[in-house]
Every structure is written in structure tokens, then in C-alpha cells.
Amino acid sequence: MHHVAARAGVSLATVSNVLNHPERVADATAARVHDAIAELGYTPNRNARALVSGSTRAIGLVVASLRNSLFTDVVSGAHTTARERGNTLLVASSENDLEAQGEHLAFLESTRVSGILLASMTESREQVDAAKQHGLPVVYVNYEPTEVDACSVVVDNEQAGYVAAQHLITQGCRRIGFVSARPDLQPVGRRRAGLLRAVAAHPGVELIDIDAGDIDPPGGTDAGVRIARMPEHERPDGVLGVTDLLAMAVVSELRAAGIRVPEDIPVSGCDHNSVAWGGAVPLTSVTMHGSEMGAAAVELLLEELTDPMHVHRTVVLGSELVPRESTLGRAGAAAARVTPPSDPRRTEA
């Protein structure tokens, strides 16, 4: 900075203002400073700056898995909003491993990020409490905490389960197979609650729980094989996968066994994973609004950092059905095709 100041013929304080408070510097003076910076190849030492200030204009984001497009959408929305607000975003994926998540949180804290966005599938109370005790605000994404006092942004997972089940019922399904696993995971439990609400509203409709053992595709493959082997009078006449990856695997196994989808068994997913939009049988699913969740989480975090009157709250985004060929067939899907709302309904608590 001394060299830049000397080259531009200004004070060290002016160089600092150009870098940190450009509105305080005349345009002509700022141009001279930027020219000197370009000539000298100067780059601010962010580590040194963080040591002085105690934080950076960086936000940490830890997601459960980047293999699910919901979380890549969360990253995209958070990145765009953070950049618009003059912040950078540092991203890590725990791959559903709580120990790895803790390691990522510790690393982000060591870089002196201003705060943390945590797109976890569990409460993670001890890890979050530790971060908060060290002065780092934490905002949950896609998870509503019950034991930690923190902001959160979630999609209405109960509504997601309800609208997916309701759609299958309107297609004439009376024995709905719910392919799921890990009921301890909040989104799983809430989607099942929505499914139960839809079933209860329609006498004569029954729920058949099918434990996949895992929420990843191998669990869906096993579930699909078991469904295909059931006697036809016991077999579900509609299937709802708690995740799109499970539902896709079920579709593959049913078709391999000669069972037509959707003519014999309509199949729906529940988390709008982009990998399920194409393929031989594009999958009906429910919007998750990941990009909007990421953007809202950044706004909540920055509000907590700057507003002394900030009150923790939960932002809930609505969910809508996106019907495709796996429940409607090709002709039906073409007739029903709609563009999901870009501005989802929000409620706050």
C-alpha cells in the first residue's frame, strides 16, 4: 500500500479509502490509485486484514451434498445474493457426514468468515452452539431447528408430501407406496406427515410404507425390486419416493420387470432434483426453491450481522407440483406442462 500511495502521489489513508470506502474518494483520485494498483500488481492481503478486523466479508456455506441439485441451487442463490451485497461465498459439502460437517465448520471459522449458512439434514446442535459461542451467527437452510436459537429458511416439506400424494390420488391411486428411509431426517418426517394428511382426507386410500434403507439410489433399486416382486393384488398402484433419486431408481426397476410407468404404476418424487427431469421417463416432483432459499438465508445472515434489533425467525417457502410423464404419460404431461412460479409464497414465524 505504501508503494501504491507513492506511485499515485496520494496518502496511505487515501489508498485505504479507495479499497474500503470508495465513496469517500474523488473519481480522478481513485482512478490514479487504481492505475498504480494495476501497474504494481498489488493485491490486498485478506488474511492480514482479517487479523486486524476479526472477520472478513466472506460467508461460509456447508451443504449436505452437492450431488443433489437442491443444494447446488442453494449455493447458486446464496452466491448471487452474497455477491450483490459485496460478500464472497466459501462452499463445502459434508456428503451427509456429521464429522466432515464439523471439520468444514471449524475450517471456515479459522478463515474468519463473517457467518455460516448450514444446509444440514440434522440439528447439529453441538457444532452450531460452538460456532455461535465464538461469535459466528448461523442460519439454517432446508432445516428448521428445534433446540438451537437461530434463523432458518425452509421449504414447506409437509406441503410437498401432501401435494405429491394428492396428485397420485387424483390419478386414481388407492394403495400408495411410500419409498423412504431415515425418518430421523426432518424433511423425510415432514413429507411423510403431508402424505398421511392427504391419505386421511380420502377414505379408501391406504399407505404402504416401503423402507429403502437409504435415501440414495441403491435404496430405491432395492425397493423397486421388492415392489415388482409383490403379488399384483398387494402391490402399490402408485409410488411416492421421498427423494427423486429413490423414485428414479424405483422407475428403472419397475420397467425392467415389465411394469409400465405410469400406465401400471404412476411414480412421483418429492424434491425436484434436476437429474430426474430427463431420461426415459421424466419424473413428476415438487419444487424446492433452492435458489430462493439460499438468497433468503444470506439476507437473514446479513441482517443479523448489521441490525442490533434482529430477531431470529423462520422463513417458509411454498412448494408446487411439477407433473411429468412418470404420472401423466407423455401426452398428459405435454398438456399439463406449466412453468413453476419464480416468486414462491413466503411465510415467516
Protein backbone atom coordinates (compact mmCIF):
# COMPACT_ATOMS: atom_id res chain seq x y z
CA MET A 1 0.00 0.00 0.00
CA HIS A 2 2.94 2.35 0.67
CA HIS A 3 4.24 1.66 -2.84
CA VAL A 4 0.78 2.26 -4.34
CA ALA A 5 0.45 5.54 -2.43
CA ALA A 6 3.88 6.70 -3.62
CA ARG A 7 3.17 5.76 -7.25
CA ALA A 8 -0.22 7.52 -7.22
CA GLY A 9 1.05 10.53 -5.28
CA VAL A 10 -1.55 10.18 -2.51
CA SER A 11 -1.57 9.33 1.19
CA LEU A 12 -1.75 5.84 2.61
CA ALA A 13 -5.19 6.70 4.02
CA THR A 14 -6.44 7.56 0.53
CA VAL A 15 -5.36 4.17 -0.79
CA SER A 16 -7.17 2.54 2.12
CA ASN A 17 -10.32 4.52 1.34
CA VAL A 18 -10.20 3.57 -2.34
CA LEU A 19 -10.10 -0.10 -1.32
CA ASN A 20 -12.59 0.02 1.53
CA HIS A 21 -14.68 3.22 1.22
CA PRO A 22 -14.53 4.31 -2.44
CA GLU A 23 -17.44 6.71 -1.96
CA ARG A 24 -15.11 8.93 0.10
CA VAL A 25 -12.65 9.47 -2.77
CA ALA A 26 -12.96 11.71 -5.84
CA ASP A 27 -13.19 9.81 -9.12
CA ALA A 28 -9.98 11.25 -10.54
CA THR A 29 -8.01 10.37 -7.41
CA ALA A 30 -9.49 6.86 -7.32
CA ALA A 31 -8.53 6.38 -10.97
CA ARG A 32 -4.88 7.27 -10.18
CA VAL A 33 -4.86 4.78 -7.31
CA HIS A 34 -6.36 2.02 -9.44
CA ASP A 35 -3.80 2.72 -12.18
CA ALA A 36 -1.00 2.38 -9.63
CA ILE A 37 -2.50 -0.84 -8.31
CA ALA A 38 -2.61 -2.26 -11.85
CA GLU A 39 0.97 -1.18 -12.63
CA LEU A 40 2.36 -2.68 -9.43
CA GLY A 41 0.19 -5.82 -9.41
CA TYR A 42 -0.91 -5.08 -5.86
CA THR A 43 -3.35 -7.49 -4.18
CA PRO A 44 -4.78 -6.73 -0.70
CA ASN A 45 -3.73 -9.29 1.92
CA ARG A 46 -7.12 -10.55 3.09
CA ASN A 47 -5.59 -12.72 5.82
CA ALA A 48 -3.84 -9.73 7.32
CA ARG A 49 -7.00 -7.66 7.04
CA ALA A 50 -8.95 -10.40 8.82
CA LEU A 51 -6.41 -10.48 11.64
CA VAL A 52 -6.90 -6.76 12.21
CA SER A 53 -10.69 -6.64 11.85
CA GLY A 54 -11.50 -10.06 13.30
CA SER A 55 -13.63 -11.03 10.29
CA THR A 56 -13.85 -10.92 6.51
CA ARG A 57 -16.59 -10.06 4.04
CA ALA A 58 -16.92 -13.77 3.39
CA ILE A 59 -19.78 -16.12 4.23
CA GLY A 60 -19.34 -19.84 4.77
CA LEU A 61 -21.88 -22.32 3.40
CA VAL A 62 -21.84 -26.03 4.28
CA VAL A 63 -24.32 -28.19 2.36
CA ALA A 64 -25.36 -31.80 2.96
CA SER A 65 -24.48 -32.98 -0.56
CA LEU A 66 -23.70 -31.35 -3.88
CA ARG A 67 -24.98 -34.48 -5.65
CA ASN A 68 -28.50 -33.21 -5.03
CA SER A 69 -29.42 -30.27 -7.25
CA LEU A 70 -31.44 -28.77 -4.38
CA PHE A 71 -28.16 -27.90 -2.68
CA THR A 72 -26.45 -26.71 -5.86
CA ASP A 73 -29.44 -24.38 -6.28
CA VAL A 74 -28.96 -23.21 -2.68
CA VAL A 75 -25.32 -22.45 -3.49
CA SER A 76 -26.31 -20.54 -6.64
CA GLY A 77 -28.88 -18.37 -4.87
CA ALA A 78 -26.60 -17.68 -1.92
CA HIS A 79 -23.65 -16.83 -4.17
CA THR A 80 -25.64 -14.36 -6.28
CA THR A 81 -27.11 -12.55 -3.27
CA ALA A 82 -23.82 -12.51 -1.35
CA ARG A 83 -22.01 -11.01 -4.34
CA GLU A 84 -24.71 -8.37 -4.82
CA ARG A 85 -24.21 -7.38 -1.19
CA GLY A 86 -20.41 -7.17 -1.50
CA ASN A 87 -19.59 -10.54 0.08
CA THR A 88 -17.90 -13.70 -1.14
CA LEU A 89 -19.14 -17.23 -0.53
CA LEU A 90 -16.99 -20.16 0.60
CA VAL A 91 -18.67 -23.53 -0.01
CA ALA A 92 -18.09 -27.02 1.40
CA SER A 93 -20.05 -30.28 1.15
CA SER A 94 -20.28 -32.74 4.04
CA GLU A 95 -21.77 -35.58 1.94
CA ASN A 96 -24.18 -36.29 4.80
CA ASP A 97 -21.27 -36.96 7.17
CA LEU A 98 -21.67 -35.15 10.51
CA GLU A 99 -17.95 -35.45 11.31
CA ALA A 100 -16.99 -33.94 7.95
CA GLN A 101 -19.53 -31.16 8.53
CA GLY A 102 -17.84 -30.31 11.84
CA GLU A 103 -14.44 -30.21 10.14
CA HIS A 104 -15.75 -27.84 7.48
CA LEU A 105 -17.30 -25.56 10.09
CA ALA A 106 -14.02 -25.44 12.02
CA PHE A 107 -12.07 -24.59 8.87
CA LEU A 108 -14.48 -21.83 7.88
CA GLU A 109 -14.25 -20.38 11.38
CA SER A 110 -10.44 -20.38 11.07
CA THR A 111 -10.72 -18.27 7.90
CA ARG A 112 -12.68 -15.69 9.93
CA VAL A 113 -15.84 -15.76 7.85
CA SER A 114 -18.49 -13.32 8.99
CA GLY A 115 -21.13 -16.02 9.45
CA ILE A 116 -22.28 -19.50 8.47
CA LEU A 117 -25.11 -20.87 6.35
CA LEU A 118 -25.73 -24.52 7.24
CA ALA A 119 -27.76 -26.64 4.83
CA SER A 120 -27.84 -29.71 7.05
CA MET A 121 -30.26 -32.61 7.37
CA THR A 122 -29.95 -32.68 11.18
CA GLU A 123 -29.97 -30.28 14.14
CA SER A 124 -26.15 -30.33 14.55
CA ARG A 125 -26.66 -28.65 17.92
CA GLU A 126 -23.17 -29.03 19.39
CA GLN A 127 -21.43 -27.80 16.25
CA VAL A 128 -23.75 -24.83 15.85
CA ASP A 129 -23.56 -23.92 19.54
CA ALA A 130 -19.76 -23.92 19.31
CA ALA A 131 -19.81 -21.58 16.31
CA LYS A 132 -22.30 -19.23 17.97
CA GLN A 133 -20.25 -19.17 21.19
CA HIS A 134 -17.30 -17.99 19.10
CA GLY A 135 -19.35 -15.09 17.79
CA LEU A 136 -20.40 -16.56 14.44
CA PRO A 137 -24.09 -16.22 13.52
CA VAL A 138 -25.55 -19.34 11.91
CA VAL A 139 -28.56 -19.56 9.60
CA TYR A 140 -30.03 -23.00 8.84
CA VAL A 141 -31.10 -23.76 5.27
CA ASN A 142 -33.64 -26.51 4.50
CA TYR A 143 -33.87 -27.34 8.19
CA GLU A 144 -35.89 -25.74 10.98
CA PRO A 145 -34.03 -26.01 14.32
CA THR A 146 -35.97 -27.02 17.40
CA GLU A 147 -33.20 -26.82 20.01
CA VAL A 148 -30.97 -24.00 18.69
CA ASP A 149 -31.99 -20.34 18.69
CA ALA A 150 -31.16 -19.41 15.11
CA CYS A 151 -32.76 -18.19 11.91
CA SER A 152 -33.75 -20.67 9.25
CA VAL A 153 -35.12 -20.84 5.71
CA VAL A 154 -37.11 -23.92 4.71
CA VAL A 155 -39.45 -25.11 2.02
CA ASP A 156 -42.79 -26.41 3.26
CA ASN A 157 -41.87 -30.10 3.21
CA GLU A 158 -45.20 -31.20 4.67
CA GLN A 159 -46.96 -29.40 1.84
CA ALA A 160 -44.57 -31.08 -0.62
CA GLY A 161 -45.59 -34.53 0.63
CA TYR A 162 -49.24 -33.53 0.58
CA VAL A 163 -49.37 -32.19 -2.99
CA ALA A 164 -47.40 -35.17 -4.34
CA ALA A 165 -49.75 -37.66 -2.64
CA GLN A 166 -52.82 -35.68 -3.64
CA HIS A 167 -51.68 -35.82 -7.25
CA LEU A 168 -51.33 -39.63 -7.13
CA ILE A 169 -54.78 -39.91 -5.58
CA THR A 170 -56.31 -37.81 -8.36
CA GLN A 171 -54.68 -40.21 -10.82
CA GLY A 172 -56.77 -42.98 -9.26
CA CYS A 173 -54.18 -44.49 -6.92
CA ARG A 174 -55.63 -46.18 -3.83
CA ARG A 175 -52.57 -48.04 -2.47
CA ILE A 176 -49.72 -45.56 -2.27
CA GLY A 177 -46.28 -47.00 -1.62
CA PHE A 178 -44.09 -44.52 0.23
CA VAL A 179 -40.44 -45.34 -0.51
CA SER A 180 -38.32 -43.67 2.13
CA ALA A 181 -35.59 -44.06 4.73
CA ARG A 182 -34.05 -42.17 7.64
CA PRO A 183 -37.25 -40.96 9.35
CA ASP A 184 -34.96 -39.07 11.74
CA LEU A 185 -34.21 -36.61 8.95
CA GLN A 186 -36.57 -33.65 9.28
CA PRO A 187 -37.51 -33.33 5.56
CA VAL A 188 -38.34 -37.06 5.44
CA GLY A 189 -40.59 -36.89 8.50
CA ARG A 190 -42.40 -33.79 7.29
CA ARG A 191 -43.01 -35.16 3.80
CA ARG A 192 -44.48 -38.32 5.32
CA ALA A 193 -46.73 -36.17 7.53
CA GLY A 194 -48.05 -34.44 4.42
CA LEU A 195 -48.64 -37.79 2.73
CA LEU A 196 -50.57 -39.02 5.77
CA ARG A 197 -52.71 -35.88 5.71
CA ALA A 198 -53.64 -36.50 2.07
CA VAL A 199 -54.42 -40.18 2.71
CA ALA A 200 -56.59 -39.33 5.74
CA ALA A 201 -58.66 -36.96 3.61
CA HIS A 202 -59.61 -39.74 1.17
CA PRO A 203 -61.39 -42.77 2.67
CA GLY A 204 -60.42 -45.95 0.89
CA VAL A 205 -56.85 -44.80 0.21
CA GLU A 206 -54.12 -46.62 2.15
CA LEU A 207 -50.44 -46.01 2.76
CA ILE A 208 -47.86 -48.77 2.27
CA ASP A 209 -44.53 -47.90 3.88
CA ILE A 210 -41.54 -49.30 1.98
CA ASP A 211 -38.25 -48.88 3.84
CA ALA A 212 -35.46 -48.27 1.31
CA GLY A 213 -32.77 -48.39 3.99
CA ASP A 214 -31.06 -45.36 2.46
CA ILE A 215 -32.10 -42.16 0.69
CA ASP A 216 -29.54 -42.70 -2.09
CA PRO A 217 -30.30 -44.61 -5.35
CA PRO A 218 -29.24 -48.11 -4.14
CA GLY A 219 -32.10 -47.96 -1.64
CA GLY A 220 -34.52 -47.16 -4.44
CA THR A 221 -33.19 -50.03 -6.52
CA ASP A 222 -33.84 -52.49 -3.71
CA ALA A 223 -37.30 -51.03 -3.08
CA GLY A 224 -38.15 -51.22 -6.78
CA VAL A 225 -37.19 -54.89 -6.94
CA ARG A 226 -39.33 -55.67 -3.90
CA ILE A 227 -42.33 -53.81 -5.30
CA ALA A 228 -42.03 -55.61 -8.64
CA ARG A 229 -42.00 -58.99 -6.88
CA MET A 230 -45.15 -58.32 -4.86
CA PRO A 231 -48.34 -60.13 -5.90
CA GLU A 232 -50.31 -57.74 -8.08
CA HIS A 233 -53.22 -57.53 -5.62
CA GLU A 234 -50.81 -56.44 -2.84
CA ARG A 235 -48.59 -54.22 -4.94
CA PRO A 236 -48.92 -50.42 -4.62
CA ASP A 237 -50.80 -48.88 -7.51
CA GLY A 238 -48.89 -45.62 -7.02
CA VAL A 239 -45.44 -44.83 -5.60
CA LEU A 240 -44.09 -41.72 -3.92
CA GLY A 241 -40.33 -41.55 -3.37
CA VAL A 242 -39.28 -39.25 -0.54
CA THR A 243 -36.44 -38.14 -2.85
CA ASP A 244 -36.29 -38.02 -6.62
CA LEU A 245 -33.22 -40.28 -6.65
CA LEU A 246 -35.18 -43.00 -4.84
CA ALA A 247 -38.15 -42.58 -7.18
CA MET A 248 -35.95 -42.73 -10.29
CA ALA A 249 -34.39 -45.98 -9.14
CA VAL A 250 -37.85 -47.43 -8.49
CA VAL A 251 -38.97 -46.44 -12.01
CA SER A 252 -35.94 -48.18 -13.50
CA GLU A 253 -36.58 -51.44 -11.65
CA LEU A 254 -40.32 -51.47 -12.38
CA ARG A 255 -39.72 -51.00 -16.09
CA ALA A 256 -37.02 -53.68 -16.08
CA ALA A 257 -39.61 -56.07 -14.61
CA GLY A 258 -42.10 -55.25 -17.36
CA ILE A 259 -44.28 -52.98 -15.21
CA ARG A 260 -45.27 -49.86 -17.12
CA VAL A 261 -44.81 -46.39 -15.64
CA PRO A 262 -47.24 -44.65 -15.42
CA GLU A 263 -49.83 -46.95 -17.04
CA ASP A 264 -49.50 -49.67 -14.39
CA ILE A 265 -47.92 -47.70 -11.52
CA PRO A 266 -47.57 -43.89 -11.52
CA VAL A 267 -44.41 -42.77 -9.66
CA SER A 268 -43.63 -39.36 -8.18
CA GLY A 269 -40.59 -37.89 -6.49
CA CYS A 270 -40.57 -35.11 -3.92
CA ASP A 271 -37.52 -32.85 -4.13
CA HIS A 272 -37.18 -31.65 -7.74
CA ASN A 273 -33.69 -32.99 -8.40
CA SER A 274 -32.65 -31.81 -11.86
CA VAL A 275 -31.20 -35.22 -12.77
CA ALA A 276 -34.79 -36.55 -12.76
CA TRP A 277 -36.13 -34.08 -15.32
CA GLY A 278 -34.93 -36.04 -18.37
CA GLY A 279 -34.33 -39.72 -19.05
CA ALA A 280 -36.70 -42.31 -20.46
CA VAL A 281 -39.50 -41.30 -18.06
CA PRO A 282 -39.20 -37.70 -16.78
CA LEU A 283 -40.21 -37.68 -13.13
CA THR A 284 -43.11 -35.82 -11.55
CA SER A 285 -41.85 -33.96 -8.49
CA VAL A 286 -42.35 -30.94 -6.23
CA THR A 287 -40.49 -27.63 -6.35
CA MET A 288 -38.00 -26.98 -3.56
CA HIS A 289 -36.97 -23.39 -4.46
CA GLY A 290 -33.33 -23.98 -3.52
CA SER A 291 -32.08 -20.77 -5.14
CA GLU A 292 -34.65 -18.72 -3.26
CA MET A 293 -33.72 -20.47 0.00
CA GLY A 294 -30.05 -19.62 -0.49
CA ALA A 295 -30.81 -15.99 -1.27
CA ALA A 296 -33.15 -15.59 1.73
CA ALA A 297 -30.57 -17.21 4.03
CA VAL A 298 -27.91 -14.68 3.02
CA GLU A 299 -30.33 -11.81 3.66
CA LEU A 300 -31.15 -13.17 7.12
CA LEU A 301 -27.46 -13.58 7.96
CA LEU A 302 -26.52 -10.08 6.84
CA GLU A 303 -29.46 -8.67 8.78
CA GLU A 304 -28.26 -10.44 11.91
CA LEU A 305 -24.76 -9.05 11.37
CA THR A 306 -25.88 -5.45 10.94
CA ASP A 307 -29.16 -4.97 12.82
CA PRO A 308 -28.88 -4.82 16.64
CA MET A 309 -32.66 -5.30 16.81
CA HIS A 310 -32.58 -8.52 14.78
CA VAL A 311 -34.98 -11.25 15.94
CA HIS A 312 -34.47 -14.87 14.89
CA ARG A 313 -37.22 -16.19 12.64
CA THR A 314 -38.04 -18.91 10.15
CA VAL A 315 -38.87 -18.13 6.51
CA VAL A 316 -41.06 -20.80 4.89
CA LEU A 317 -41.28 -21.06 1.10
CA GLY A 318 -44.23 -22.73 -0.58
CA SER A 319 -43.99 -25.82 -2.81
CA GLU A 320 -45.79 -26.70 -6.03
CA LEU A 321 -46.26 -29.88 -8.01
CA VAL A 322 -44.43 -30.20 -11.34
CA PRO A 323 -46.25 -33.00 -13.23
CA ARG A 324 -44.30 -35.02 -15.79
CA GLU A 325 -44.51 -38.31 -17.66
CA SER A 326 -43.97 -40.62 -14.69
CA THR A 327 -47.54 -39.94 -13.53
CA LEU A 328 -49.30 -38.47 -16.57
CA GLY A 329 -47.72 -40.16 -19.58
CA ARG A 330 -46.23 -38.22 -22.47
CA ALA A 331 -49.45 -36.75 -23.84
CA GLY A 332 -50.79 -35.87 -20.39
CA ALA A 333 -47.51 -34.24 -19.35
CA ALA A 334 -47.43 -32.13 -22.51
CA ALA A 335 -50.96 -30.91 -21.83
CA ALA A 336 -50.25 -30.15 -18.17
CA ARG A 337 -46.86 -28.52 -18.63
CA VAL A 338 -46.56 -25.27 -16.68
CA THR A 339 -43.72 -23.03 -15.57
CA PRO A 340 -43.21 -23.18 -11.77
CA PRO A 341 -43.65 -19.82 -10.00
CA SER A 342 -40.39 -17.87 -9.79
CA ASP A 343 -41.53 -15.97 -6.69
CA PRO A 344 -42.68 -18.63 -4.19
CA ARG A 345 -45.13 -17.87 -1.44
CA ARG A 346 -43.40 -16.92 1.80
CA THR A 347 -44.48 -17.01 5.38
CA GLU A 348 -42.42 -16.04 8.42
CA ALA A 349 -42.55 -17.13 12.02
